[in-house]
Amino acid sequence: MIEQEINTQYILSRCNFLPKAFEEDLEDFIKKLWDSRFVTVFLAGNGGSASTVSHFSSDLDSLGFFTRCLCDNIPRITALTNDRGWDKIYIEQLQKLYREGDVLIVASVHGGVLHENGNKLWSGNLAEAVGFVKENGGIVLALLGDEGGAISEMADISLVVPSPSPYVVEPLHSLIAHHICEQIKGMIKHK
């Protein structure tokens, strides 16, 4: 029982600083995703966020969505990195697979902010993929951290966890993804 109380306190302490607008954005995110259940839902992320979107993709697939996680095919990613460069790993896949009206869900702690070296974006490969989908009539839903970065300006709906720490942002993104799936599961039951 003590362990459960500690876990609950941990989760609540992490969620207390989310802005009030977050709830409304979360509802919009769920509605937009629900309305997109008959198209392909692509997912992408880097590092720990890749793990989050891979899991999210699997959960959405189990709920009847047609999903494709762009970071799950390791041989393809390493080949694209070798042949085209890291910044092209997602856009190269989307150029072959994407159809107008499809959805892209991205997760990023940084959201496409300028790298410390000043000439490159953190998550630049995600920002490029987001730009491609927006230019080609698609919907972009984003799970972001810090201040949201360039991706928050480009996405249709952004859920931003206002922290620069991956140790805060990534577990909350996972929690949010599970909440979204739980809500969609309820929508399926009441359809």
Foldseek 3Di string as FASTA:
>chain_A
DVVVVVVVVVVCVLPVPFDPCLVVLLVVLLVVVLVQQVAEEEEEEDDLQLVLRVVLQVLSVVVRGHYHYLPPPVVQQVVCCVPPNNLASQVVVCVPPPDAAYEYEYEEAQQFDADPVRPGTDPNSVVVNLVVNLVRHYAYEYQYEAPNHPNCVRHPGYNYSNDSDCVSRSVVSNVSSVVSSVVSSVVVVVD
